[in-house]
Amino acid sequence: MKNILVFALFWVILPPPGFASDTFRVSGYYKNFFTVFDSPESKKLEPMPSEPVIGAVSNRLRLNLFYKPGNRLSFHAAYNFSPRVQDASLFENQLVIAIDPSGYRVADLDSRVYPDENAPVGSFGIFQNLDRALVTLSTGFADISIGRQAIAWGSARMLNPTDIIAPFTFEELDTEERIGVDAIRVQIPVGVMGEFDTGYILGEDVEFGKSAFFLRSRLNAAETDISILLLGFRENLLTGLDIARAIGGAGLWFEGAYVFTGAFDDDKTQ
């Protein structure tokens, strides 16, 4: 377990005059994280070599574009540019567990801009991420979203058993933007508080074994929000239940999931 010291700087980038309107908007922000990793002393009786303190300075510049030419159609794109200065060992061995952003993407840009894959790794690197590339069609019946978008579920605090498509890890510091995945999604409102949500999340090369699909319903009954999820992912099947309500002045959340491993694996041995 690593001791982690973090300093963060956040700067909102406001669009210049003339770039913000109901039809077209440009926005973004800049963030800086300074992290120090210090290994605790070994509790063993035998003397162990101490590991050096290592650090990292991570920057992220995010640009958001939004365009809505009419009442029914809208476009959204977002791009992250991330220069990093850190110990060379962190480029090859991650001390903090990270989610692979390409896990549910058909194709993607090379995440590392500098140095290239064949060049030796030093203490400086530049990374990129096309995080959103989305078109949304709004009809009187449903909202249809096609492209790279954020998909997440769960109302529980700290741990969400049903949020497995692109979840945040326990060590994640920057949780403002969910990692985008490639998907086709249809959201149908039902009543005042209800919704029917379904879609297909595309994996690499659109292979079924690397993709996912979901059916989710949400309703409100007896002042309680209830969500039921059926999710097929990488040949597995997940069933989930999410309940949230207020009791007096306190909030109550219950969220659980069960996975049937290999439910869609034709080669699975029975």
C-alpha atoms as a PDB file:
ATOM      1  CA  MET A   1       0.000   0.000   0.000  1.00  0.00           C
ATOM      2  CA  LYS A   2       1.363   3.388  -0.947  1.00  0.00           C
ATOM      3  CA  ASN A   3       1.059   6.606   0.997  1.00  0.00           C
ATOM      4  CA  ILE A   4      -0.090   9.278  -1.406  1.00  0.00           C
ATOM      5  CA  LEU A   5       0.214  13.047  -1.052  1.00  0.00           C
ATOM      6  CA  VAL A   6      -1.754  15.069  -3.567  1.00  0.00           C
ATOM      7  CA  PHE A   7      -1.956  18.748  -4.470  1.00  0.00           C
ATOM      8  CA  ALA A   8      -4.525  19.793  -7.072  1.00  0.00           C
ATOM      9  CA  LEU A   9      -5.025  22.924  -9.144  1.00  0.00           C
ATOM     10  CA  PHE A  10      -8.253  23.540 -11.038  1.00  0.00           C
ATOM     11  CA  TRP A  11      -8.818  26.296 -13.551  1.00  0.00           C
ATOM     12  CA  VAL A  12     -12.016  26.745 -15.551  1.00  0.00           C
ATOM     13  CA  ILE A  13     -11.589  27.900 -19.117  1.00  0.00           C
ATOM     14  CA  LEU A  14     -14.377  30.271 -20.065  1.00  0.00           C
ATOM     15  CA  PRO A  15     -15.326  30.697 -23.713  1.00  0.00           C
ATOM     16  CA  PRO A  16     -14.432  34.029 -25.324  1.00  0.00           C
ATOM     17  CA  PRO A  17     -17.277  36.420 -26.204  1.00  0.00           C
ATOM     18  CA  GLY A  18     -19.224  35.251 -29.218  1.00  0.00           C
ATOM     19  CA  PHE A  19     -18.446  31.551 -28.714  1.00  0.00           C
ATOM     20  CA  ALA A  20     -21.245  30.796 -26.220  1.00  0.00           C
ATOM     21  CA  SER A  21     -24.818  30.556 -27.421  1.00  0.00           C
ATOM     22  CA  ASP A  22     -27.776  28.186 -27.413  1.00  0.00           C
ATOM     23  CA  THR A  23     -26.583  26.797 -30.749  1.00  0.00           C
ATOM     24  CA  PHE A  24     -22.823  26.515 -30.306  1.00  0.00           C
ATOM     25  CA  ARG A  25     -20.746  26.413 -27.116  1.00  0.00           C
ATOM     26  CA  VAL A  26     -17.024  26.063 -26.418  1.00  0.00           C
ATOM     27  CA  SER A  27     -15.842  25.385 -22.877  1.00  0.00           C
ATOM     28  CA  GLY A  28     -13.193  23.511 -20.953  1.00  0.00           C
ATOM     29  CA  TYR A  29     -10.821  23.548 -18.031  1.00  0.00           C
ATOM     30  CA  TYR A  30      -7.265  22.901 -16.906  1.00  0.00           C
ATOM     31  CA  LYS A  31      -6.274  20.705 -13.944  1.00  0.00           C
ATOM     32  CA  ASN A  32      -2.991  19.949 -12.277  1.00  0.00           C
ATOM     33  CA  PHE A  33      -2.272  17.123  -9.821  1.00  0.00           C
ATOM     34  CA  PHE A  34       1.001  16.808  -7.918  1.00  0.00           C
ATOM     35  CA  THR A  35       1.332  13.348  -6.361  1.00  0.00           C
ATOM     36  CA  VAL A  36       4.017  11.834  -4.141  1.00  0.00           C
ATOM     37  CA  PHE A  37       4.244   8.066  -3.557  1.00  0.00           C
ATOM     38  CA  ASP A  38       5.990   6.965  -0.369  1.00  0.00           C
ATOM     39  CA  SER A  39       6.237   3.253   0.452  1.00  0.00           C
ATOM     40  CA  PRO A  40       5.657   2.474   4.156  1.00  0.00           C
ATOM     41  CA  GLU A  41       8.394   0.755   6.114  1.00  0.00           C
ATOM     42  CA  SER A  42       8.261  -3.013   6.119  1.00  0.00           C
ATOM     43  CA  LYS A  43       6.772  -4.625   9.223  1.00  0.00           C
ATOM     44  CA  LYS A  44       8.851  -7.756   8.773  1.00  0.00           C
ATOM     45  CA  LEU A  45      11.682  -8.580  11.182  1.00  0.00           C
ATOM     46  CA  GLU A  46      14.162  -9.005   8.364  1.00  0.00           C
ATOM     47  CA  PRO A  47      15.594  -5.738   7.054  1.00  0.00           C
ATOM     48  CA  MET A  48      14.155  -4.803   3.686  1.00  0.00           C
ATOM     49  CA  PRO A  49      15.618  -2.320   1.222  1.00  0.00           C
ATOM     50  CA  SER A  50      13.700   0.938   1.363  1.00  0.00           C
ATOM     51  CA  GLU A  51      12.026   2.166  -1.810  1.00  0.00           C
ATOM     52  CA  PRO A  52      12.688   5.758  -2.844  1.00  0.00           C
ATOM     53  CA  VAL A  53       9.999   8.394  -2.733  1.00  0.00           C
ATOM     54  CA  ILE A  54       8.772   9.076  -6.265  1.00  0.00           C
ATOM     55  CA  GLY A  55       6.466  11.730  -7.600  1.00  0.00           C
ATOM     56  CA  ALA A  56       4.350  12.775 -10.553  1.00  0.00           C
ATOM     57  CA  VAL A  57       2.971  16.030 -11.931  1.00  0.00           C
ATOM     58  CA  SER A  58      -0.063  15.391 -14.114  1.00  0.00           C
ATOM     59  CA  ASN A  59      -1.773  18.097 -16.172  1.00  0.00           C
ATOM     60  CA  ARG A  60      -5.046  17.846 -18.032  1.00  0.00           C
ATOM     61  CA  LEU A  61      -6.453  20.324 -20.524  1.00  0.00           C
ATOM     62  CA  ARG A  62     -10.013  19.513 -21.624  1.00  0.00           C
ATOM     63  CA  LEU A  63     -11.857  21.123 -24.527  1.00  0.00           C
ATOM     64  CA  ASN A  64     -15.639  20.681 -24.871  1.00  0.00           C
ATOM     65  CA  LEU A  65     -17.630  21.475 -28.004  1.00  0.00           C
ATOM     66  CA  PHE A  66     -21.421  21.503 -28.201  1.00  0.00           C
ATOM     67  CA  TYR A  67     -23.505  22.206 -31.293  1.00  0.00           C
ATOM     68  CA  LYS A  68     -27.307  22.130 -31.561  1.00  0.00           C
ATOM     69  CA  PRO A  69     -28.558  23.167 -34.995  1.00  0.00           C
ATOM     70  CA  GLY A  70     -32.204  22.463 -34.144  1.00  0.00           C
ATOM     71  CA  ASN A  71     -34.582  21.332 -31.432  1.00  0.00           C
ATOM     72  CA  ARG A  72     -34.073  17.624 -32.087  1.00  0.00           C
ATOM     73  CA  LEU A  73     -30.421  17.189 -33.035  1.00  0.00           C
ATOM     74  CA  SER A  74     -27.265  17.960 -31.046  1.00  0.00           C
ATOM     75  CA  PHE A  75     -23.542  17.169 -31.232  1.00  0.00           C
ATOM     76  CA  HIS A  76     -21.035  16.920 -28.397  1.00  0.00           C
ATOM     77  CA  ALA A  77     -17.271  16.381 -28.544  1.00  0.00           C
ATOM     78  CA  ALA A  78     -14.544  16.489 -25.886  1.00  0.00           C
ATOM     79  CA  TYR A  79     -10.773  16.085 -26.092  1.00  0.00           C
ATOM     80  CA  ASN A  80      -8.206  15.714 -23.280  1.00  0.00           C
ATOM     81  CA  PHE A  81      -4.557  16.736 -23.660  1.00  0.00           C
ATOM     82  CA  SER A  82      -2.385  15.537 -20.766  1.00  0.00           C
ATOM     83  CA  PRO A  83       1.332  16.313 -20.373  1.00  0.00           C
ATOM     84  CA  ARG A  84       2.934  14.407 -17.467  1.00  0.00           C
ATOM     85  CA  VAL A  85       6.228  14.783 -15.643  1.00  0.00           C
ATOM     86  CA  GLN A  86       6.881  11.757 -13.457  1.00  0.00           C
ATOM     87  CA  ASP A  87       9.342   9.066 -12.492  1.00  0.00           C
ATOM     88  CA  ALA A  88      10.155   6.887 -15.493  1.00  0.00           C
ATOM     89  CA  SER A  89       8.994   3.769 -13.638  1.00  0.00           C
ATOM     90  CA  LEU A  90       5.432   5.118 -13.483  1.00  0.00           C
ATOM     91  CA  PHE A  91       5.101   5.054 -17.276  1.00  0.00           C
ATOM     92  CA  GLU A  92       5.595   1.290 -17.319  1.00  0.00           C
ATOM     93  CA  ASN A  93       4.382   0.234 -13.854  1.00  0.00           C
ATOM     94  CA  GLN A  94       1.244   1.921 -12.593  1.00  0.00           C
ATOM     95  CA  LEU A  95       1.162   2.260  -8.797  1.00  0.00           C
ATOM     96  CA  VAL A  96      -2.408   3.463  -9.009  1.00  0.00           C
ATOM     97  CA  ILE A  97      -4.859   1.140 -10.747  1.00  0.00           C
ATOM     98  CA  ALA A  98      -6.421   2.765 -13.793  1.00  0.00           C
ATOM     99  CA  ILE A  99      -9.354   1.856 -16.028  1.00  0.00           C
ATOM    100  CA  ASP A 100      -8.447   1.073 -19.628  1.00  0.00           C
ATOM    101  CA  PRO A 101     -10.330   3.725 -21.635  1.00  0.00           C
ATOM    102  CA  SER A 102     -10.198   1.570 -24.768  1.00  0.00           C
ATOM    103  CA  GLY A 103     -12.018  -1.343 -23.129  1.00  0.00           C
ATOM    104  CA  TYR A 104     -15.330  -0.447 -24.762  1.00  0.00           C
ATOM    105  CA  ARG A 105     -14.204   1.471 -27.829  1.00  0.00           C
ATOM    106  CA  VAL A 106     -14.337   0.254 -31.418  1.00  0.00           C
ATOM    107  CA  ALA A 107     -11.238   2.225 -32.400  1.00  0.00           C
ATOM    108  CA  ASP A 108      -9.261   4.980 -30.761  1.00  0.00           C
ATOM    109  CA  LEU A 109      -6.387   7.416 -31.039  1.00  0.00           C
ATOM    110  CA  ASP A 110      -3.002   6.382 -29.694  1.00  0.00           C
ATOM    111  CA  SER A 111      -3.152   7.401 -26.055  1.00  0.00           C
ATOM    112  CA  ARG A 112       0.536   8.338 -25.886  1.00  0.00           C
ATOM    113  CA  VAL A 113       1.588  11.145 -28.196  1.00  0.00           C
ATOM    114  CA  TYR A 114       5.161  11.504 -26.908  1.00  0.00           C
ATOM    115  CA  PRO A 115       7.404   9.582 -26.799  1.00  0.00           C
ATOM    116  CA  ASP A 116       6.298   7.070 -29.409  1.00  0.00           C
ATOM    117  CA  GLU A 117       6.089   3.351 -28.712  1.00  0.00           C
ATOM    118  CA  ASN A 118       9.612   2.600 -29.979  1.00  0.00           C
ATOM    119  CA  ALA A 119      11.353   5.479 -28.178  1.00  0.00           C
ATOM    120  CA  PRO A 120      12.916   5.070 -24.723  1.00  0.00           C
ATOM    121  CA  VAL A 121      10.738   6.308 -21.865  1.00  0.00           C
ATOM    122  CA  GLY A 122      12.124   9.186 -19.836  1.00  0.00           C
ATOM    123  CA  SER A 123      10.459  11.381 -17.235  1.00  0.00           C
ATOM    124  CA  PHE A 124       8.151  13.304 -19.598  1.00  0.00           C
ATOM    125  CA  GLY A 125       5.193  12.107 -21.622  1.00  0.00           C
ATOM    126  CA  ILE A 126       2.212  13.556 -23.471  1.00  0.00           C
ATOM    127  CA  PHE A 127      -1.100  11.698 -23.570  1.00  0.00           C
ATOM    128  CA  GLN A 128      -4.409  12.310 -25.304  1.00  0.00           C
ATOM    129  CA  ASN A 129      -7.982  11.058 -25.102  1.00  0.00           C
ATOM    130  CA  LEU A 130     -10.908  11.678 -27.443  1.00  0.00           C
ATOM    131  CA  ASP A 131     -13.426  11.329 -24.622  1.00  0.00           C
ATOM    132  CA  ARG A 132     -16.676  12.370 -26.329  1.00  0.00           C
ATOM    133  CA  ALA A 133     -17.876  12.176 -29.938  1.00  0.00           C
ATOM    134  CA  LEU A 134     -21.636  12.007 -29.712  1.00  0.00           C
ATOM    135  CA  VAL A 135     -24.762  12.807 -31.687  1.00  0.00           C
ATOM    136  CA  THR A 136     -28.145  12.878 -29.916  1.00  0.00           C
ATOM    137  CA  LEU A 137     -31.567  12.787 -31.554  1.00  0.00           C
ATOM    138  CA  SER A 138     -34.422  13.927 -29.303  1.00  0.00           C
ATOM    139  CA  THR A 139     -37.930  12.917 -30.325  1.00  0.00           C
ATOM    140  CA  GLY A 140     -41.229  13.130 -28.539  1.00  0.00           C
ATOM    141  CA  PHE A 141     -40.873   9.446 -27.698  1.00  0.00           C
ATOM    142  CA  ALA A 142     -37.201   8.968 -26.771  1.00  0.00           C
ATOM    143  CA  ASP A 143     -33.656  10.317 -26.758  1.00  0.00           C
ATOM    144  CA  ILE A 144     -31.313   8.362 -29.053  1.00  0.00           C
ATOM    145  CA  SER A 145     -27.566   8.804 -28.484  1.00  0.00           C
ATOM    146  CA  ILE A 146     -24.953   7.393 -30.866  1.00  0.00           C
ATOM    147  CA  GLY A 147     -21.211   7.663 -30.345  1.00  0.00           C
ATOM    148  CA  ARG A 148     -18.706   8.057 -27.516  1.00  0.00           C
ATOM    149  CA  GLN A 149     -20.539   8.897 -24.321  1.00  0.00           C
ATOM    150  CA  ALA A 150     -20.574   8.371 -20.559  1.00  0.00           C
ATOM    151  CA  ILE A 151     -22.604   5.408 -19.264  1.00  0.00           C
ATOM    152  CA  ALA A 152     -22.882   4.824 -15.527  1.00  0.00           C
ATOM    153  CA  TRP A 153     -25.411   3.496 -13.040  1.00  0.00           C
ATOM    154  CA  GLY A 154     -25.822   3.219  -9.303  1.00  0.00           C
ATOM    155  CA  SER A 155     -26.882   5.519  -6.476  1.00  0.00           C
ATOM    156  CA  ALA A 156     -24.940   3.972  -3.570  1.00  0.00           C
ATOM    157  CA  ARG A 157     -22.053   5.889  -2.015  1.00  0.00           C
ATOM    158  CA  MET A 158     -18.415   4.756  -2.337  1.00  0.00           C
ATOM    159  CA  LEU A 159     -19.158   1.427  -4.063  1.00  0.00           C
ATOM    160  CA  ASN A 160     -21.515   0.765  -6.980  1.00  0.00           C
ATOM    161  CA  PRO A 161     -21.887  -2.959  -7.813  1.00  0.00           C
ATOM    162  CA  THR A 162     -23.863  -2.204 -10.992  1.00  0.00           C
ATOM    163  CA  ASP A 163     -21.373   0.360 -12.346  1.00  0.00           C
ATOM    164  CA  ILE A 164     -18.924  -1.899 -14.198  1.00  0.00           C
ATOM    165  CA  ILE A 165     -18.677  -0.436 -17.716  1.00  0.00           C
ATOM    166  CA  ALA A 166     -16.194   2.355 -16.921  1.00  0.00           C
ATOM    167  CA  PRO A 167     -16.099   2.780 -13.137  1.00  0.00           C
ATOM    168  CA  PHE A 168     -13.844   4.987 -11.068  1.00  0.00           C
ATOM    169  CA  THR A 169     -11.250   3.128  -9.028  1.00  0.00           C
ATOM    170  CA  PHE A 170     -10.894   3.651  -5.294  1.00  0.00           C
ATOM    171  CA  GLU A 171      -7.672   5.601  -5.846  1.00  0.00           C
ATOM    172  CA  GLU A 172      -9.078   7.879  -8.554  1.00  0.00           C
ATOM    173  CA  LEU A 173      -8.511  11.547  -7.794  1.00  0.00           C
ATOM    174  CA  ASP A 174     -10.171  13.174 -10.793  1.00  0.00           C
ATOM    175  CA  THR A 175     -13.809  12.056 -10.837  1.00  0.00           C
ATOM    176  CA  GLU A 176     -15.385  14.985 -12.624  1.00  0.00           C
ATOM    177  CA  GLU A 177     -15.686  13.308 -16.026  1.00  0.00           C
ATOM    178  CA  ARG A 178     -16.619   9.680 -16.623  1.00  0.00           C
ATOM    179  CA  ILE A 179     -14.547   7.876 -19.259  1.00  0.00           C
ATOM    180  CA  GLY A 180     -16.435   7.768 -22.556  1.00  0.00           C
ATOM    181  CA  VAL A 181     -17.375   4.500 -24.273  1.00  0.00           C
ATOM    182  CA  ASP A 182     -18.756   3.806 -27.765  1.00  0.00           C
ATOM    183  CA  ALA A 183     -22.452   3.006 -27.572  1.00  0.00           C
ATOM    184  CA  ILE A 184     -25.914   3.247 -29.078  1.00  0.00           C
ATOM    185  CA  ARG A 185     -28.382   4.228 -26.353  1.00  0.00           C
ATOM    186  CA  VAL A 186     -32.143   4.794 -26.254  1.00  0.00           C
ATOM    187  CA  GLN A 187     -33.749   6.466 -23.213  1.00  0.00           C
ATOM    188  CA  ILE A 188     -37.537   6.505 -23.028  1.00  0.00           C
ATOM    189  CA  PRO A 189     -39.252   8.528 -20.262  1.00  0.00           C
ATOM    190  CA  VAL A 190     -42.091   6.732 -18.488  1.00  0.00           C
ATOM    191  CA  GLY A 191     -44.408   8.882 -16.411  1.00  0.00           C
ATOM    192  CA  VAL A 192     -42.990  11.699 -14.279  1.00  0.00           C
ATOM    193  CA  MET A 193     -40.021   9.949 -12.624  1.00  0.00           C
ATOM    194  CA  GLY A 194     -39.661   6.720 -14.590  1.00  0.00           C
ATOM    195  CA  GLU A 195     -37.440   5.741 -17.489  1.00  0.00           C
ATOM    196  CA  PHE A 196     -36.699   2.803 -19.741  1.00  0.00           C
ATOM    197  CA  ASP A 197     -33.052   2.716 -20.798  1.00  0.00           C
ATOM    198  CA  THR A 198     -31.533   0.291 -23.286  1.00  0.00           C
ATOM    199  CA  GLY A 199     -28.477   0.148 -25.498  1.00  0.00           C
ATOM    200  CA  TYR A 200     -25.510  -1.649 -26.961  1.00  0.00           C
ATOM    201  CA  ILE A 201     -21.921  -0.819 -25.965  1.00  0.00           C
ATOM    202  CA  LEU A 202     -19.404  -1.608 -28.676  1.00  0.00           C
ATOM    203  CA  GLY A 203     -16.111  -3.278 -27.854  1.00  0.00           C
ATOM    204  CA  GLU A 204     -12.993  -3.670 -29.971  1.00  0.00           C
ATOM    205  CA  ASP A 205     -13.770  -4.644 -33.581  1.00  0.00           C
ATOM    206  CA  VAL A 206     -17.473  -4.780 -32.552  1.00  0.00           C
ATOM    207  CA  GLU A 207     -16.984  -8.383 -31.400  1.00  0.00           C
ATOM    208  CA  PHE A 208     -19.843  -9.691 -29.243  1.00  0.00           C
ATOM    209  CA  GLY A 209     -17.405 -11.233 -26.763  1.00  0.00           C
ATOM    210  CA  LYS A 210     -15.836  -7.798 -26.205  1.00  0.00           C
ATOM    211  CA  SER A 211     -19.077  -5.774 -26.203  1.00  0.00           C
ATOM    212  CA  ALA A 212     -22.034  -5.277 -23.875  1.00  0.00           C
ATOM    213  CA  PHE A 213     -25.801  -4.688 -23.965  1.00  0.00           C
ATOM    214  CA  PHE A 214     -28.191  -3.507 -21.277  1.00  0.00           C
ATOM    215  CA  LEU A 215     -31.834  -3.143 -20.332  1.00  0.00           C
ATOM    216  CA  ARG A 216     -32.651  -0.915 -17.380  1.00  0.00           C
ATOM    217  CA  SER A 217     -35.907   0.329 -15.925  1.00  0.00           C
ATOM    218  CA  ARG A 218     -36.366   3.028 -13.303  1.00  0.00           C
ATOM    219  CA  LEU A 219     -39.554   3.875 -11.452  1.00  0.00           C
ATOM    220  CA  ASN A 220     -40.721   5.698  -8.358  1.00  0.00           C
ATOM    221  CA  ALA A 221     -43.121   3.987  -5.971  1.00  0.00           C
ATOM    222  CA  ALA A 222     -43.998   4.910  -2.374  1.00  0.00           C
ATOM    223  CA  GLU A 223     -41.460   7.764  -2.531  1.00  0.00           C
ATOM    224  CA  THR A 224     -38.744   5.241  -3.397  1.00  0.00           C
ATOM    225  CA  ASP A 225     -36.574   5.203  -6.536  1.00  0.00           C
ATOM    226  CA  ILE A 226     -36.195   1.638  -7.836  1.00  0.00           C
ATOM    227  CA  SER A 227     -33.922   0.594 -10.701  1.00  0.00           C
ATOM    228  CA  ILE A 228     -33.633  -2.888 -12.194  1.00  0.00           C
ATOM    229  CA  LEU A 229     -30.715  -3.673 -14.500  1.00  0.00           C
ATOM    230  CA  LEU A 230     -30.008  -6.523 -16.881  1.00  0.00           C
ATOM    231  CA  LEU A 231     -26.505  -6.260 -18.372  1.00  0.00           C
ATOM    232  CA  GLY A 232     -24.694  -8.619 -20.698  1.00  0.00           C
ATOM    233  CA  PHE A 233     -20.962  -7.942 -20.893  1.00  0.00           C
ATOM    234  CA  ARG A 234     -18.153  -9.962 -22.442  1.00  0.00           C
ATOM    235  CA  GLU A 235     -20.219 -13.176 -22.449  1.00  0.00           C
ATOM    236  CA  ASN A 236     -21.338 -12.693 -18.828  1.00  0.00           C
ATOM    237  CA  LEU A 237     -24.764 -11.680 -17.496  1.00  0.00           C
ATOM    238  CA  LEU A 238     -25.330  -9.265 -14.602  1.00  0.00           C
ATOM    239  CA  THR A 239     -28.603  -8.629 -12.804  1.00  0.00           C
ATOM    240  CA  GLY A 240     -28.746  -5.591 -10.546  1.00  0.00           C
ATOM    241  CA  LEU A 241     -31.116  -3.844  -8.153  1.00  0.00           C
ATOM    242  CA  ASP A 242     -30.796  -0.265  -6.925  1.00  0.00           C
ATOM    243  CA  ILE A 243     -33.114   1.246  -4.272  1.00  0.00           C
ATOM    244  CA  ALA A 244     -32.869   4.793  -2.914  1.00  0.00           C
ATOM    245  CA  ARG A 245     -35.195   6.740  -0.615  1.00  0.00           C
ATOM    246  CA  ALA A 246     -35.299   9.222   2.242  1.00  0.00           C
ATOM    247  CA  ILE A 247     -36.181   8.161   5.781  1.00  0.00           C
ATOM    248  CA  GLY A 248     -36.749  11.170   7.972  1.00  0.00           C
ATOM    249  CA  GLY A 249     -33.791  13.444   7.400  1.00  0.00           C
ATOM    250  CA  ALA A 250     -31.485  10.644   6.269  1.00  0.00           C
ATOM    251  CA  GLY A 251     -30.885   8.956   2.929  1.00  0.00           C
ATOM    252  CA  LEU A 252     -30.960   5.197   2.412  1.00  0.00           C
ATOM    253  CA  TRP A 253     -29.292   3.407  -0.500  1.00  0.00           C
ATOM    254  CA  PHE A 254     -29.279  -0.273  -1.334  1.00  0.00           C
ATOM    255  CA  GLU A 255     -27.499  -1.567  -4.406  1.00  0.00           C
ATOM    256  CA  GLY A 256     -26.576  -5.114  -5.307  1.00  0.00           C
ATOM    257  CA  ALA A 257     -25.624  -7.214  -8.315  1.00  0.00           C
ATOM    258  CA  TYR A 258     -25.140 -10.863  -9.227  1.00  0.00           C
ATOM    259  CA  VAL A 259     -23.083 -12.077 -12.186  1.00  0.00           C
ATOM    260  CA  PHE A 260     -23.721 -15.289 -14.113  1.00  0.00           C
ATOM    261  CA  THR A 261     -20.251 -15.921 -15.517  1.00  0.00           C
ATOM    262  CA  GLY A 262     -20.034 -17.346 -19.023  1.00  0.00           C
ATOM    263  CA  ALA A 263     -23.784 -17.064 -19.586  1.00  0.00           C
ATOM    264  CA  PHE A 264     -23.244 -16.286 -23.296  1.00  0.00           C
ATOM    265  CA  ASP A 265     -20.121 -18.400 -23.781  1.00  0.00           C
ATOM    266  CA  ASP A 266     -21.003 -21.136 -26.286  1.00  0.00           C
ATOM    267  CA  ASP A 267     -17.718 -22.909 -25.587  1.00  0.00           C
ATOM    268  CA  LYS A 268     -18.237 -23.005 -21.808  1.00  0.00           C
ATOM    269  CA  THR A 269     -18.044 -26.500 -20.379  1.00  0.00           C
ATOM    270  CA  GLN A 270     -21.223 -27.368 -18.483  1.00  0.00           C
END
